[in-house]
Amino acid sequence: MTAPRWDGPPLTGRLLLATPVIAGGIFHHGVVLVLHHDDDGAQGVVVNRPLEATVDAVLPGWQGLLTEPGNLFQGGPVSLDSALGLVTVPGPRDAPVGVKRLFGRVGVIDLDTPPELVRTGVAGMRVFAGYAGWSAGQLDEEVRTGSWWVVDAEARDAFSDRPDRLWQSILRRQGEPLAWVATHPGDPDLN
C-alpha cells in the first residue's frame, strides 16, 4: 500500500522545522532545507548541525570559501561518508563553473571543481557530511502527521552564523501561534 501523496505544492526550497514530536537524534529541533521534492521522494540537508571537524580536514582548499562557522555540518543520517556543498550565488548572474542552481540563489557545488574557479562567484558556502532523504510519499506523510512544520526559507537561513539558534529564530519570525513554540523546553515535563 502506498502512502497518500502530499496535496500541497512541492516542498523544494522550503524549510522543515522539526516539531516537538521529534524528540531525539539529528532531527530534534532540526532545520532542514529541502533541496528536491517530487513524487519519487525528497532530499535535503539539516542546516543547523555543525560538527567539530573543519572542512579542510576532509576537503583541503575549501576552508577559505566557507561561511562562518567554518565547520563541516552533518547534513543528515544518509551517506555520512559523502560530502555535499551548498552555495549561494549572488544576484541573477549565471552560476560559476561547477555550480548547479537549484532554486532562487541556492545551488550545489561539485566539490571536485578547483576552489579558485568559484571563489569570486559565490557569496556563501557550507559543506555537509551526508543528507536527509525520504522515499516516495514518506516526507509527505511525516508532514501530514505533524512531524514537521513547513515554512518559507530566507536566503540567509542555510548560511546562518548562529546555527545553534536557527530553529528558535525561524519559529519566532512565523508569528503567533507558531512563534510561541520557540520557547518550548527540550523536556516537556519541565513546562
C-alpha atoms as a PDB file:
ATOM      1  CA  MET A   1       0.000   0.000   0.000  1.00  0.00           C
ATOM      2  CA  THR A   2       1.394   3.395  -0.967  1.00  0.00           C
ATOM      3  CA  ALA A   3       1.285   6.375   1.359  1.00  0.00           C
ATOM      4  CA  PRO A   4      -1.067   9.155   0.278  1.00  0.00           C
ATOM      5  CA  ARG A   5       0.695  11.970  -1.588  1.00  0.00           C
ATOM      6  CA  TRP A   6       1.319  15.443  -0.209  1.00  0.00           C
ATOM      7  CA  ASP A   7      -1.541  17.527  -1.518  1.00  0.00           C
ATOM      8  CA  GLY A   8       0.318  20.827  -1.370  1.00  0.00           C
ATOM      9  CA  PRO A   9       2.913  22.253  -3.741  1.00  0.00           C
ATOM     10  CA  PRO A  10       6.365  20.644  -3.892  1.00  0.00           C
ATOM     11  CA  LEU A  11       8.466  21.475  -0.845  1.00  0.00           C
ATOM     12  CA  THR A  12      11.657  22.220  -2.806  1.00  0.00           C
ATOM     13  CA  GLY A  13      13.277  25.379  -1.430  1.00  0.00           C
ATOM     14  CA  ARG A  14      11.234  25.376   1.767  1.00  0.00           C
ATOM     15  CA  LEU A  15      12.299  24.667   5.330  1.00  0.00           C
ATOM     16  CA  LEU A  16      11.182  21.806   7.509  1.00  0.00           C
ATOM     17  CA  LEU A  17      11.214  22.609  11.210  1.00  0.00           C
ATOM     18  CA  ALA A  18      11.073  19.592  13.483  1.00  0.00           C
ATOM     19  CA  THR A  19       8.040  19.682  15.753  1.00  0.00           C
ATOM     20  CA  PRO A  20       8.285  18.533  19.387  1.00  0.00           C
ATOM     21  CA  VAL A  21       7.057  15.122  18.141  1.00  0.00           C
ATOM     22  CA  ILE A  22      10.677  14.518  17.043  1.00  0.00           C
ATOM     23  CA  ALA A  23      12.256  14.187  20.461  1.00  0.00           C
ATOM     24  CA  GLY A  24      15.748  12.942  19.696  1.00  0.00           C
ATOM     25  CA  GLY A  25      18.511  12.356  17.197  1.00  0.00           C
ATOM     26  CA  ILE A  26      19.769  14.625  14.451  1.00  0.00           C
ATOM     27  CA  PHE A  27      16.267  15.918  13.667  1.00  0.00           C
ATOM     28  CA  HIS A  28      15.471  17.109  17.227  1.00  0.00           C
ATOM     29  CA  HIS A  29      14.974  20.885  16.827  1.00  0.00           C
ATOM     30  CA  GLY A  30      16.284  20.344  13.315  1.00  0.00           C
ATOM     31  CA  VAL A  31      16.011  22.746  10.409  1.00  0.00           C
ATOM     32  CA  VAL A  32      16.070  21.014   7.022  1.00  0.00           C
ATOM     33  CA  LEU A  33      16.381  22.862   3.737  1.00  0.00           C
ATOM     34  CA  VAL A  34      14.547  20.773   1.132  1.00  0.00           C
ATOM     35  CA  LEU A  35      16.728  20.583  -1.969  1.00  0.00           C
ATOM     36  CA  HIS A  36      14.403  18.408  -4.028  1.00  0.00           C
ATOM     37  CA  HIS A  37      10.848  17.076  -3.576  1.00  0.00           C
ATOM     38  CA  ASP A  38       8.647  15.259  -6.061  1.00  0.00           C
ATOM     39  CA  ASP A  39       6.527  12.103  -6.355  1.00  0.00           C
ATOM     40  CA  ASP A  40       9.654   9.931  -6.155  1.00  0.00           C
ATOM     41  CA  GLY A  41      10.805  11.294  -2.774  1.00  0.00           C
ATOM     42  CA  ALA A  42      12.748  14.140  -1.241  1.00  0.00           C
ATOM     43  CA  GLN A  43      16.258  15.169  -0.293  1.00  0.00           C
ATOM     44  CA  GLY A  44      17.501  17.946   1.934  1.00  0.00           C
ATOM     45  CA  VAL A  45      20.183  18.956   4.396  1.00  0.00           C
ATOM     46  CA  VAL A  46      19.989  19.724   8.096  1.00  0.00           C
ATOM     47  CA  VAL A  47      21.403  23.253   8.233  1.00  0.00           C
ATOM     48  CA  ASN A  48      21.816  23.625  11.987  1.00  0.00           C
ATOM     49  CA  ARG A  49      24.151  20.753  12.973  1.00  0.00           C
ATOM     50  CA  PRO A  50      27.806  21.889  12.836  1.00  0.00           C
ATOM     51  CA  LEU A  51      30.378  19.228  13.609  1.00  0.00           C
ATOM     52  CA  GLU A  52      33.712  19.693  15.380  1.00  0.00           C
ATOM     53  CA  ALA A  53      35.678  18.996  12.181  1.00  0.00           C
ATOM     54  CA  THR A  54      36.873  21.697   9.838  1.00  0.00           C
ATOM     55  CA  VAL A  55      36.215  21.253   6.135  1.00  0.00           C
ATOM     56  CA  ASP A  56      39.943  21.487   5.428  1.00  0.00           C
ATOM     57  CA  ALA A  57      40.413  18.217   7.349  1.00  0.00           C
ATOM     58  CA  VAL A  58      38.387  16.360   4.689  1.00  0.00           C
ATOM     59  CA  LEU A  59      38.437  18.693   1.657  1.00  0.00           C
ATOM     60  CA  PRO A  60      41.648  20.742   1.576  1.00  0.00           C
ATOM     61  CA  GLY A  61      41.377  24.088  -0.195  1.00  0.00           C
ATOM     62  CA  TRP A  62      37.721  24.878   0.539  1.00  0.00           C
ATOM     63  CA  GLN A  63      38.030  26.323   4.069  1.00  0.00           C
ATOM     64  CA  GLY A  64      38.547  29.918   2.899  1.00  0.00           C
ATOM     65  CA  LEU A  65      35.248  29.950   0.979  1.00  0.00           C
ATOM     66  CA  LEU A  66      33.051  28.844   3.884  1.00  0.00           C
ATOM     67  CA  THR A  67      30.500  30.913   5.728  1.00  0.00           C
ATOM     68  CA  GLU A  68      31.136  31.142   9.493  1.00  0.00           C
ATOM     69  CA  PRO A  69      31.263  28.971  11.421  1.00  0.00           C
ATOM     70  CA  GLY A  70      33.628  27.260   9.006  1.00  0.00           C
ATOM     71  CA  ASN A  71      32.923  23.762  10.268  1.00  0.00           C
ATOM     72  CA  LEU A  72      31.706  20.710   8.434  1.00  0.00           C
ATOM     73  CA  PHE A  73      27.949  20.224   9.066  1.00  0.00           C
ATOM     74  CA  GLN A  74      26.056  16.962   9.455  1.00  0.00           C
ATOM     75  CA  GLY A  75      23.511  17.193   6.667  1.00  0.00           C
ATOM     76  CA  GLY A  76      21.517  14.160   7.735  1.00  0.00           C
ATOM     77  CA  PRO A  77      21.708  10.498   8.551  1.00  0.00           C
ATOM     78  CA  VAL A  78      22.172   9.239   4.959  1.00  0.00           C
ATOM     79  CA  SER A  79      25.604   8.698   3.315  1.00  0.00           C
ATOM     80  CA  LEU A  80      27.700  10.266   6.065  1.00  0.00           C
ATOM     81  CA  ASP A  81      30.827   9.333   4.128  1.00  0.00           C
ATOM     82  CA  SER A  82      29.909  11.689   1.275  1.00  0.00           C
ATOM     83  CA  ALA A  83      30.065  15.485   1.131  1.00  0.00           C
ATOM     84  CA  LEU A  84      27.599  17.935  -0.386  1.00  0.00           C
ATOM     85  CA  GLY A  85      28.499  21.577  -0.984  1.00  0.00           C
ATOM     86  CA  LEU A  86      25.745  24.172  -0.805  1.00  0.00           C
ATOM     87  CA  VAL A  87      26.350  27.703  -2.100  1.00  0.00           C
ATOM     88  CA  THR A  88      24.519  30.923  -2.668  1.00  0.00           C
ATOM     89  CA  VAL A  89      25.043  32.724  -5.974  1.00  0.00           C
ATOM     90  CA  PRO A  90      24.650  36.495  -5.679  1.00  0.00           C
ATOM     91  CA  GLY A  91      22.078  38.146  -7.889  1.00  0.00           C
ATOM     92  CA  PRO A  92      20.645  36.902 -11.163  1.00  0.00           C
ATOM     93  CA  ARG A  93      24.001  36.219 -12.839  1.00  0.00           C
ATOM     94  CA  ASP A  94      24.963  32.810 -14.146  1.00  0.00           C
ATOM     95  CA  ALA A  95      26.251  30.286 -11.650  1.00  0.00           C
ATOM     96  CA  PRO A  96      30.022  29.768 -11.747  1.00  0.00           C
ATOM     97  CA  VAL A  97      31.666  26.661 -13.187  1.00  0.00           C
ATOM     98  CA  GLY A  98      30.863  23.609 -11.072  1.00  0.00           C
ATOM     99  CA  VAL A  99      27.672  25.073  -9.549  1.00  0.00           C
ATOM    100  CA  LYS A 100      24.175  23.887 -10.378  1.00  0.00           C
ATOM    101  CA  ARG A 101      21.469  26.325  -9.295  1.00  0.00           C
ATOM    102  CA  LEU A 102      18.627  24.504  -7.507  1.00  0.00           C
ATOM    103  CA  PHE A 103      16.195  27.320  -6.686  1.00  0.00           C
ATOM    104  CA  GLY A 104      16.487  31.053  -6.145  1.00  0.00           C
ATOM    105  CA  ARG A 105      20.087  31.856  -5.279  1.00  0.00           C
ATOM    106  CA  VAL A 106      20.846  28.403  -3.815  1.00  0.00           C
ATOM    107  CA  GLY A 107      22.906  25.843  -5.669  1.00  0.00           C
ATOM    108  CA  VAL A 108      25.043  22.773  -5.141  1.00  0.00           C
ATOM    109  CA  ILE A 109      28.704  22.754  -5.992  1.00  0.00           C
ATOM    110  CA  ASP A 110      30.717  19.929  -7.443  1.00  0.00           C
ATOM    111  CA  LEU A 111      33.450  19.592  -4.818  1.00  0.00           C
ATOM    112  CA  ASP A 112      35.816  18.197  -7.476  1.00  0.00           C
ATOM    113  CA  THR A 113      35.894  21.686  -9.024  1.00  0.00           C
ATOM    114  CA  PRO A 114      39.082  23.601  -8.144  1.00  0.00           C
ATOM    115  CA  PRO A 115      38.101  26.133  -5.406  1.00  0.00           C
ATOM    116  CA  GLU A 116      39.846  29.010  -7.200  1.00  0.00           C
ATOM    117  CA  LEU A 117      37.365  28.700 -10.103  1.00  0.00           C
ATOM    118  CA  VAL A 118      34.381  29.513  -7.880  1.00  0.00           C
ATOM    119  CA  ARG A 119      35.963  31.829  -5.291  1.00  0.00           C
ATOM    120  CA  THR A 120      34.530  35.051  -6.792  1.00  0.00           C
ATOM    121  CA  GLY A 121      31.239  33.545  -7.973  1.00  0.00           C
ATOM    122  CA  VAL A 122      29.667  32.525  -4.646  1.00  0.00           C
ATOM    123  CA  ALA A 123      28.567  34.613  -1.674  1.00  0.00           C
ATOM    124  CA  GLY A 124      28.149  31.820   0.867  1.00  0.00           C
ATOM    125  CA  MET A 125      29.140  28.189   1.194  1.00  0.00           C
ATOM    126  CA  ARG A 126      28.558  25.248   3.523  1.00  0.00           C
ATOM    127  CA  VAL A 127      29.753  21.667   3.272  1.00  0.00           C
ATOM    128  CA  PHE A 128      27.608  18.863   4.652  1.00  0.00           C
ATOM    129  CA  ALA A 129      28.528  15.296   5.525  1.00  0.00           C
ATOM    130  CA  GLY A 130      25.523  13.269   4.440  1.00  0.00           C
ATOM    131  CA  TYR A 131      21.983  14.357   3.722  1.00  0.00           C
ATOM    132  CA  ALA A 132      18.371  13.727   4.723  1.00  0.00           C
ATOM    133  CA  GLY A 133      16.382  11.547   2.351  1.00  0.00           C
ATOM    134  CA  TRP A 134      12.801  10.329   2.103  1.00  0.00           C
ATOM    135  CA  SER A 135      11.316   7.693  -0.170  1.00  0.00           C
ATOM    136  CA  ALA A 136       8.192   8.332  -2.262  1.00  0.00           C
ATOM    137  CA  GLY A 137       5.418   9.663  -0.039  1.00  0.00           C
ATOM    138  CA  GLN A 138       7.439   9.378   3.194  1.00  0.00           C
ATOM    139  CA  LEU A 139       8.051  13.100   3.771  1.00  0.00           C
ATOM    140  CA  ASP A 140       4.505  13.895   2.673  1.00  0.00           C
ATOM    141  CA  GLU A 141       3.185  11.567   5.382  1.00  0.00           C
ATOM    142  CA  GLU A 142       5.553  12.975   8.027  1.00  0.00           C
ATOM    143  CA  VAL A 143       4.317  16.497   7.288  1.00  0.00           C
ATOM    144  CA  ARG A 144       0.671  15.386   7.378  1.00  0.00           C
ATOM    145  CA  THR A 145       1.106  13.581  10.703  1.00  0.00           C
ATOM    146  CA  GLY A 146       2.766  16.542  12.424  1.00  0.00           C
ATOM    147  CA  SER A 147       6.469  15.710  12.499  1.00  0.00           C
ATOM    148  CA  TRP A 148       7.418  18.823  10.517  1.00  0.00           C
ATOM    149  CA  TRP A 149       6.256  22.398  10.139  1.00  0.00           C
ATOM    150  CA  VAL A 150       6.794  23.681   6.600  1.00  0.00           C
ATOM    151  CA  VAL A 151       7.833  27.342   6.414  1.00  0.00           C
ATOM    152  CA  ASP A 152       9.352  29.664   3.836  1.00  0.00           C
ATOM    153  CA  ALA A 153      13.124  29.917   3.757  1.00  0.00           C
ATOM    154  CA  GLU A 154      15.042  33.171   3.741  1.00  0.00           C
ATOM    155  CA  ALA A 155      18.307  33.410   1.813  1.00  0.00           C
ATOM    156  CA  ARG A 156      20.450  33.550   4.951  1.00  0.00           C
ATOM    157  CA  ASP A 157      18.911  30.527   6.720  1.00  0.00           C
ATOM    158  CA  ALA A 158      21.157  27.860   5.195  1.00  0.00           C
ATOM    159  CA  PHE A 159      24.231  30.004   5.951  1.00  0.00           C
ATOM    160  CA  SER A 160      23.371  31.315   9.427  1.00  0.00           C
ATOM    161  CA  ASP A 161      26.322  32.252  11.614  1.00  0.00           C
ATOM    162  CA  ARG A 162      24.270  31.080  14.633  1.00  0.00           C
ATOM    163  CA  PRO A 163      23.099  27.583  13.652  1.00  0.00           C
ATOM    164  CA  ASP A 164      22.611  26.741  17.336  1.00  0.00           C
ATOM    165  CA  ARG A 165      19.743  29.285  17.478  1.00  0.00           C
ATOM    166  CA  LEU A 166      18.327  28.805  13.993  1.00  0.00           C
ATOM    167  CA  TRP A 167      15.306  26.640  14.950  1.00  0.00           C
ATOM    168  CA  GLN A 168      14.145  29.214  17.522  1.00  0.00           C
ATOM    169  CA  SER A 169      14.801  32.269  15.334  1.00  0.00           C
ATOM    170  CA  ILE A 170      12.864  30.834  12.376  1.00  0.00           C
ATOM    171  CA  LEU A 171       9.943  29.956  14.648  1.00  0.00           C
ATOM    172  CA  ARG A 172       9.916  33.472  16.146  1.00  0.00           C
ATOM    173  CA  ARG A 173       9.553  35.107  12.736  1.00  0.00           C
ATOM    174  CA  GLN A 174       6.472  32.984  11.909  1.00  0.00           C
ATOM    175  CA  GLY A 175       4.160  34.977  14.169  1.00  0.00           C
ATOM    176  CA  GLU A 176       1.618  33.579  16.587  1.00  0.00           C
ATOM    177  CA  PRO A 177       0.842  30.837  17.467  1.00  0.00           C
ATOM    178  CA  LEU A 178       3.883  29.107  15.931  1.00  0.00           C
ATOM    179  CA  ALA A 179       6.290  31.704  17.387  1.00  0.00           C
ATOM    180  CA  TRP A 180       5.309  30.580  20.885  1.00  0.00           C
ATOM    181  CA  VAL A 181       6.889  27.185  20.220  1.00  0.00           C
ATOM    182  CA  ALA A 182      10.349  28.833  20.113  1.00  0.00           C
ATOM    183  CA  THR A 183      10.291  28.802  23.904  1.00  0.00           C
ATOM    184  CA  HIS A 184       9.300  25.119  24.075  1.00  0.00           C
ATOM    185  CA  PRO A 185      11.541  23.338  26.602  1.00  0.00           C
ATOM    186  CA  GLY A 186      13.557  20.360  25.401  1.00  0.00           C
ATOM    187  CA  ASP A 187      11.817  18.294  28.080  1.00  0.00           C
ATOM    188  CA  PRO A 188       8.040  18.998  28.131  1.00  0.00           C
ATOM    189  CA  ASP A 189       7.909  17.811  31.757  1.00  0.00           C
ATOM    190  CA  LEU A 190       9.800  20.982  32.666  1.00  0.00           C
ATOM    191  CA  ASN A 191       6.977  23.129  31.315  1.00  0.00           C
END
